[in-house]
């Protein structure tokens, strides 16, 4: 059925506005989590439904700053803080919609200090590059080599994030009691594994 031009075309106008409004760079993160994870949509062409995938978009932020935000959200420290604020769900899962994400303390320093955001973004780039190579590796030995390197980089990133937050020794001790539940390398490979018997 055709609808005349004008105010009665609200349905197509709104959808168009929503789609184009989201065609910007953003940080994506799931709303149902075991641990926090985040990724950067650098092209701005990923449409997230705002139900299962949330986003953070800052019109004034550059790509480096968005990568720094994602790096912090992937850190062990942010994960510990987020899990304390997130809503409870079944079997250890948490609901981490934007209203919960907004409650998590976040170091605004990375938006104002280009050196800090550049360091975090550099870790994000190194980790992302190695993850791609690890997924493409054919032998188990090569994959384990990548895992060792990635574990080391994740550890360095975690240390930098703790430094950025400026935690005291007592605060570090408290946060250390809440490690990530899922190994980040195992999380990387979880979706690429084929169950036995499937082809």
C-alpha atoms as a PDB file:
ATOM      1  CA  UNK A   1       0.000   0.000   0.000  1.00  0.00           C
ATOM      2  CA  UNK A   2       1.337   3.419  -0.911  1.00  0.00           C
ATOM      3  CA  UNK A   3       1.467   6.132   1.726  1.00  0.00           C
ATOM      4  CA  UNK A   4       1.338   9.779   0.679  1.00  0.00           C
ATOM      5  CA  UNK A   5       4.307  12.073   1.269  1.00  0.00           C
ATOM      6  CA  UNK A   6       4.284  14.101   4.467  1.00  0.00           C
ATOM      7  CA  UNK A   7       3.803  13.355   8.151  1.00  0.00           C
ATOM      8  CA  UNK A   8       2.175   9.993   7.450  1.00  0.00           C
ATOM      9  CA  UNK A   9       5.521   8.653   6.227  1.00  0.00           C
ATOM     10  CA  UNK A  10       6.816   8.632   9.822  1.00  0.00           C
ATOM     11  CA  UNK A  11       7.666   4.905   9.628  1.00  0.00           C
ATOM     12  CA  UNK A  12      10.164   5.242   6.778  1.00  0.00           C
ATOM     13  CA  UNK A  13      11.501   8.622   7.883  1.00  0.00           C
ATOM     14  CA  UNK A  14      12.304   7.416  11.389  1.00  0.00           C
ATOM     15  CA  UNK A  15      13.959   4.230  10.208  1.00  0.00           C
ATOM     16  CA  UNK A  16      16.076   6.208   7.764  1.00  0.00           C
ATOM     17  CA  UNK A  17      17.083   8.659  10.503  1.00  0.00           C
ATOM     18  CA  UNK A  18      17.996   5.847  12.908  1.00  0.00           C
ATOM     19  CA  UNK A  19      20.068   4.004  10.306  1.00  0.00           C
ATOM     20  CA  UNK A  20      22.016   7.066   9.228  1.00  0.00           C
ATOM     21  CA  UNK A  21      22.463   8.296  12.788  1.00  0.00           C
ATOM     22  CA  UNK A  22      24.230   5.012  13.567  1.00  0.00           C
ATOM     23  CA  UNK A  23      26.542   5.207  10.552  1.00  0.00           C
ATOM     24  CA  UNK A  24      29.369   6.466  12.735  1.00  0.00           C
ATOM     25  CA  UNK A  25      32.368   4.881  14.407  1.00  0.00           C
ATOM     26  CA  UNK A  26      31.457   3.265  17.707  1.00  0.00           C
ATOM     27  CA  UNK A  27      32.446   0.795  20.383  1.00  0.00           C
ATOM     28  CA  UNK A  28      30.233  -2.301  20.420  1.00  0.00           C
ATOM     29  CA  UNK A  29      29.629  -4.490  23.468  1.00  0.00           C
ATOM     30  CA  UNK A  30      27.135  -7.273  24.227  1.00  0.00           C
ATOM     31  CA  UNK A  31      24.439  -6.813  26.821  1.00  0.00           C
ATOM     32  CA  UNK A  32      24.500 -10.400  28.111  1.00  0.00           C
ATOM     33  CA  UNK A  33      27.973 -11.268  29.367  1.00  0.00           C
ATOM     34  CA  UNK A  34      30.096 -13.732  31.253  1.00  0.00           C
ATOM     35  CA  UNK A  35      32.926 -11.212  31.066  1.00  0.00           C
ATOM     36  CA  UNK A  36      33.049  -7.818  29.392  1.00  0.00           C
ATOM     37  CA  UNK A  37      34.166  -7.714  25.785  1.00  0.00           C
ATOM     38  CA  UNK A  38      34.161  -4.847  23.319  1.00  0.00           C
ATOM     39  CA  UNK A  39      35.093  -4.154  19.737  1.00  0.00           C
ATOM     40  CA  UNK A  40      35.410  -1.058  17.567  1.00  0.00           C
ATOM     41  CA  UNK A  41      33.283  -0.543  14.476  1.00  0.00           C
ATOM     42  CA  UNK A  42      35.837   1.637  12.717  1.00  0.00           C
ATOM     43  CA  UNK A  43      33.840   2.050   9.526  1.00  0.00           C
ATOM     44  CA  UNK A  44      30.563   2.856  11.245  1.00  0.00           C
ATOM     45  CA  UNK A  45      28.661   0.373   9.116  1.00  0.00           C
ATOM     46  CA  UNK A  46      27.643  -2.177  11.762  1.00  0.00           C
ATOM     47  CA  UNK A  47      24.015  -1.882  12.745  1.00  0.00           C
ATOM     48  CA  UNK A  48      23.419  -2.974  16.322  1.00  0.00           C
ATOM     49  CA  UNK A  49      19.942  -3.656  17.513  1.00  0.00           C
ATOM     50  CA  UNK A  50      20.383  -1.950  20.888  1.00  0.00           C
ATOM     51  CA  UNK A  51      18.888  -5.032  22.555  1.00  0.00           C
ATOM     52  CA  UNK A  52      21.662  -7.628  22.493  1.00  0.00           C
ATOM     53  CA  UNK A  53      24.466  -5.360  21.274  1.00  0.00           C
ATOM     54  CA  UNK A  54      24.996  -1.916  22.751  1.00  0.00           C
ATOM     55  CA  UNK A  55      27.251   0.844  21.528  1.00  0.00           C
ATOM     56  CA  UNK A  56      29.174   3.851  22.708  1.00  0.00           C
ATOM     57  CA  UNK A  57      29.574   6.641  20.193  1.00  0.00           C
ATOM     58  CA  UNK A  58      31.295   9.926  20.854  1.00  0.00           C
ATOM     59  CA  UNK A  59      31.114  12.337  17.913  1.00  0.00           C
ATOM     60  CA  UNK A  60      34.314  14.073  19.021  1.00  0.00           C
ATOM     61  CA  UNK A  61      36.290  10.840  19.589  1.00  0.00           C
ATOM     62  CA  UNK A  62      38.847   9.667  17.052  1.00  0.00           C
ATOM     63  CA  UNK A  63      39.618   6.045  16.163  1.00  0.00           C
ATOM     64  CA  UNK A  64      42.488   5.871  18.647  1.00  0.00           C
ATOM     65  CA  UNK A  65      40.233   6.987  21.500  1.00  0.00           C
ATOM     66  CA  UNK A  66      37.543   4.462  20.556  1.00  0.00           C
ATOM     67  CA  UNK A  67      40.152   1.678  20.484  1.00  0.00           C
ATOM     68  CA  UNK A  68      41.346   2.867  23.900  1.00  0.00           C
ATOM     69  CA  UNK A  69      37.784   2.689  25.259  1.00  0.00           C
ATOM     70  CA  UNK A  70      37.404  -0.844  23.897  1.00  0.00           C
ATOM     71  CA  UNK A  71      40.792  -1.816  25.352  1.00  0.00           C
ATOM     72  CA  UNK A  72      39.691  -0.652  28.811  1.00  0.00           C
ATOM     73  CA  UNK A  73      36.396  -2.531  28.486  1.00  0.00           C
ATOM     74  CA  UNK A  74      38.336  -5.708  27.603  1.00  0.00           C
ATOM     75  CA  UNK A  75      40.585  -5.357  30.654  1.00  0.00           C
ATOM     76  CA  UNK A  76      40.409  -7.469  33.795  1.00  0.00           C
ATOM     77  CA  UNK A  77      39.919  -4.393  35.986  1.00  0.00           C
ATOM     78  CA  UNK A  78      36.968  -3.028  34.029  1.00  0.00           C
ATOM     79  CA  UNK A  79      35.483  -6.517  33.941  1.00  0.00           C
ATOM     80  CA  UNK A  80      35.632  -6.776  37.746  1.00  0.00           C
ATOM     81  CA  UNK A  81      33.956  -3.384  38.163  1.00  0.00           C
ATOM     82  CA  UNK A  82      31.351  -4.141  35.501  1.00  0.00           C
ATOM     83  CA  UNK A  83      30.380  -7.489  36.995  1.00  0.00           C
ATOM     84  CA  UNK A  84      29.745  -5.773  40.331  1.00  0.00           C
ATOM     85  CA  UNK A  85      27.335  -3.321  38.679  1.00  0.00           C
ATOM     86  CA  UNK A  86      25.724  -5.607  36.076  1.00  0.00           C
ATOM     87  CA  UNK A  87      22.344  -7.203  36.601  1.00  0.00           C
ATOM     88  CA  UNK A  88      22.216 -10.854  37.624  1.00  0.00           C
ATOM     89  CA  UNK A  89      21.076 -13.496  35.168  1.00  0.00           C
ATOM     90  CA  UNK A  90      21.187 -17.304  34.955  1.00  0.00           C
ATOM     91  CA  UNK A  91      24.273 -19.527  35.374  1.00  0.00           C
ATOM     92  CA  UNK A  92      26.720 -16.764  36.156  1.00  0.00           C
ATOM     93  CA  UNK A  93      25.750 -14.565  33.224  1.00  0.00           C
ATOM     94  CA  UNK A  94      25.150 -10.843  33.753  1.00  0.00           C
ATOM     95  CA  UNK A  95      22.969  -8.275  32.031  1.00  0.00           C
ATOM     96  CA  UNK A  96      25.171  -5.389  30.937  1.00  0.00           C
ATOM     97  CA  UNK A  97      22.828  -3.010  29.161  1.00  0.00           C
ATOM     98  CA  UNK A  98      23.794   0.625  28.853  1.00  0.00           C
ATOM     99  CA  UNK A  99      22.072   1.550  32.110  1.00  0.00           C
ATOM    100  CA  UNK A 100      24.450  -0.842  33.917  1.00  0.00           C
ATOM    101  CA  UNK A 101      27.470   0.207  31.863  1.00  0.00           C
ATOM    102  CA  UNK A 102      26.907   3.821  32.870  1.00  0.00           C
ATOM    103  CA  UNK A 103      27.405   2.846  36.531  1.00  0.00           C
ATOM    104  CA  UNK A 104      30.943   1.536  35.978  1.00  0.00           C
ATOM    105  CA  UNK A 105      33.703   4.037  36.842  1.00  0.00           C
ATOM    106  CA  UNK A 106      35.621   4.909  33.683  1.00  0.00           C
ATOM    107  CA  UNK A 107      38.954   6.770  33.366  1.00  0.00           C
ATOM    108  CA  UNK A 108      38.110   9.864  31.341  1.00  0.00           C
ATOM    109  CA  UNK A 109      41.852  10.468  31.099  1.00  0.00           C
ATOM    110  CA  UNK A 110      41.941   8.491  27.885  1.00  0.00           C
ATOM    111  CA  UNK A 111      39.703  11.063  26.211  1.00  0.00           C
ATOM    112  CA  UNK A 112      41.929  13.958  27.237  1.00  0.00           C
ATOM    113  CA  UNK A 113      45.413  12.431  27.215  1.00  0.00           C
ATOM    114  CA  UNK A 114      46.445  11.463  23.684  1.00  0.00           C
ATOM    115  CA  UNK A 115      49.534   9.577  24.902  1.00  0.00           C
ATOM    116  CA  UNK A 116      47.468   7.289  27.129  1.00  0.00           C
ATOM    117  CA  UNK A 117      44.833   6.640  24.473  1.00  0.00           C
ATOM    118  CA  UNK A 118      47.584   5.965  21.910  1.00  0.00           C
ATOM    119  CA  UNK A 119      49.231   3.388  24.214  1.00  0.00           C
ATOM    120  CA  UNK A 120      45.935   1.609  24.841  1.00  0.00           C
ATOM    121  CA  UNK A 121      45.049   1.707  21.135  1.00  0.00           C
ATOM    122  CA  UNK A 122      48.477   0.254  20.265  1.00  0.00           C
ATOM    123  CA  UNK A 123      47.807  -2.722  22.553  1.00  0.00           C
ATOM    124  CA  UNK A 124      44.362  -3.120  20.985  1.00  0.00           C
ATOM    125  CA  UNK A 125      45.905  -3.185  17.500  1.00  0.00           C
ATOM    126  CA  UNK A 126      48.630  -5.679  18.467  1.00  0.00           C
ATOM    127  CA  UNK A 127      46.147  -7.995  20.152  1.00  0.00           C
ATOM    128  CA  UNK A 128      43.649  -7.782  17.276  1.00  0.00           C
ATOM    129  CA  UNK A 129      46.364  -8.523  14.711  1.00  0.00           C
ATOM    130  CA  UNK A 130      47.642 -11.542  16.621  1.00  0.00           C
ATOM    131  CA  UNK A 131      44.118 -12.847  17.170  1.00  0.00           C
ATOM    132  CA  UNK A 132      43.538 -12.909  13.408  1.00  0.00           C
ATOM    133  CA  UNK A 133      46.802 -14.806  12.900  1.00  0.00           C
ATOM    134  CA  UNK A 134      45.995 -17.215  15.740  1.00  0.00           C
ATOM    135  CA  UNK A 135      42.617 -18.045  14.225  1.00  0.00           C
ATOM    136  CA  UNK A 136      44.251 -18.717  10.848  1.00  0.00           C
ATOM    137  CA  UNK A 137      46.964 -20.962  12.341  1.00  0.00           C
ATOM    138  CA  UNK A 138      46.622 -24.584  11.258  1.00  0.00           C
ATOM    139  CA  UNK A 139      48.807 -26.376  13.798  1.00  0.00           C
ATOM    140  CA  UNK A 140      48.105 -26.663  17.504  1.00  0.00           C
ATOM    141  CA  UNK A 141      51.718 -25.735  18.308  1.00  0.00           C
ATOM    142  CA  UNK A 142      51.470 -22.481  16.365  1.00  0.00           C
ATOM    143  CA  UNK A 143      48.177 -21.631  18.062  1.00  0.00           C
ATOM    144  CA  UNK A 144      49.727 -22.221  21.490  1.00  0.00           C
ATOM    145  CA  UNK A 145      52.605 -19.935  20.525  1.00  0.00           C
ATOM    146  CA  UNK A 146      50.154 -17.195  19.658  1.00  0.00           C
ATOM    147  CA  UNK A 147      48.307 -17.860  22.901  1.00  0.00           C
ATOM    148  CA  UNK A 148      51.456 -17.307  24.964  1.00  0.00           C
ATOM    149  CA  UNK A 149      52.145 -14.020  23.191  1.00  0.00           C
ATOM    150  CA  UNK A 150      48.534 -12.902  23.512  1.00  0.00           C
ATOM    151  CA  UNK A 151      48.440 -13.799  27.216  1.00  0.00           C
ATOM    152  CA  UNK A 152      51.524 -11.633  27.719  1.00  0.00           C
ATOM    153  CA  UNK A 153      49.989  -8.704  25.819  1.00  0.00           C
ATOM    154  CA  UNK A 154      46.706  -9.015  27.730  1.00  0.00           C
ATOM    155  CA  UNK A 155      48.713  -8.928  30.968  1.00  0.00           C
ATOM    156  CA  UNK A 156      50.543  -5.780  29.862  1.00  0.00           C
ATOM    157  CA  UNK A 157      47.259  -4.170  28.850  1.00  0.00           C
ATOM    158  CA  UNK A 158      45.746  -5.044  32.233  1.00  0.00           C
ATOM    159  CA  UNK A 159      48.711  -3.430  34.014  1.00  0.00           C
ATOM    160  CA  UNK A 160      48.382  -0.267  31.931  1.00  0.00           C
ATOM    161  CA  UNK A 161      44.652  -0.034  32.682  1.00  0.00           C
ATOM    162  CA  UNK A 162      45.312  -0.393  36.418  1.00  0.00           C
ATOM    163  CA  UNK A 163      47.860   2.419  36.095  1.00  0.00           C
ATOM    164  CA  UNK A 164      45.362   4.594  34.180  1.00  0.00           C
ATOM    165  CA  UNK A 165      42.734   4.082  36.895  1.00  0.00           C
ATOM    166  CA  UNK A 166      45.327   5.084  39.503  1.00  0.00           C
ATOM    167  CA  UNK A 167      44.432   2.368  41.993  1.00  0.00           C
ATOM    168  CA  UNK A 168      46.056   2.184  45.399  1.00  0.00           C
ATOM    169  CA  UNK A 169      47.726  -1.014  46.602  1.00  0.00           C
ATOM    170  CA  UNK A 170      44.656  -1.849  48.706  1.00  0.00           C
ATOM    171  CA  UNK A 171      42.313  -1.268  45.771  1.00  0.00           C
ATOM    172  CA  UNK A 172      44.484  -3.481  43.531  1.00  0.00           C
ATOM    173  CA  UNK A 173      44.279  -6.250  46.134  1.00  0.00           C
ATOM    174  CA  UNK A 174      40.479  -6.033  46.201  1.00  0.00           C
ATOM    175  CA  UNK A 175      40.156  -6.104  42.396  1.00  0.00           C
ATOM    176  CA  UNK A 176      42.566  -9.049  42.117  1.00  0.00           C
ATOM    177  CA  UNK A 177      39.961 -11.175  43.928  1.00  0.00           C
ATOM    178  CA  UNK A 178      37.692 -10.888  40.885  1.00  0.00           C
ATOM    179  CA  UNK A 179      39.499 -12.367  37.883  1.00  0.00           C
ATOM    180  CA  UNK A 180      37.913 -12.902  34.509  1.00  0.00           C
ATOM    181  CA  UNK A 181      35.796 -16.070  34.329  1.00  0.00           C
ATOM    182  CA  UNK A 182      36.696 -16.916  30.724  1.00  0.00           C
ATOM    183  CA  UNK A 183      40.231 -17.071  29.341  1.00  0.00           C
ATOM    184  CA  UNK A 184      40.445 -14.451  26.595  1.00  0.00           C
ATOM    185  CA  UNK A 185      42.154 -16.828  24.152  1.00  0.00           C
ATOM    186  CA  UNK A 186      39.505 -19.485  24.758  1.00  0.00           C
ATOM    187  CA  UNK A 187      36.843 -16.826  24.213  1.00  0.00           C
ATOM    188  CA  UNK A 188      38.459 -15.996  20.888  1.00  0.00           C
ATOM    189  CA  UNK A 189      38.297 -19.579  19.685  1.00  0.00           C
ATOM    190  CA  UNK A 190      34.930 -20.486  21.234  1.00  0.00           C
ATOM    191  CA  UNK A 191      32.847 -19.513  18.193  1.00  0.00           C
ATOM    192  CA  UNK A 192      35.230 -21.071  15.669  1.00  0.00           C
ATOM    193  CA  UNK A 193      35.217 -24.569  17.121  1.00  0.00           C
ATOM    194  CA  UNK A 194      33.131 -27.179  15.314  1.00  0.00           C
ATOM    195  CA  UNK A 195      31.357 -29.670  17.621  1.00  0.00           C
ATOM    196  CA  UNK A 196      32.390 -33.293  17.120  1.00  0.00           C
ATOM    197  CA  UNK A 197      30.313 -34.987  14.468  1.00  0.00           C
ATOM    198  CA  UNK A 198      29.444 -31.703  12.705  1.00  0.00           C
ATOM    199  CA  UNK A 199      30.917 -30.772   9.361  1.00  0.00           C
END
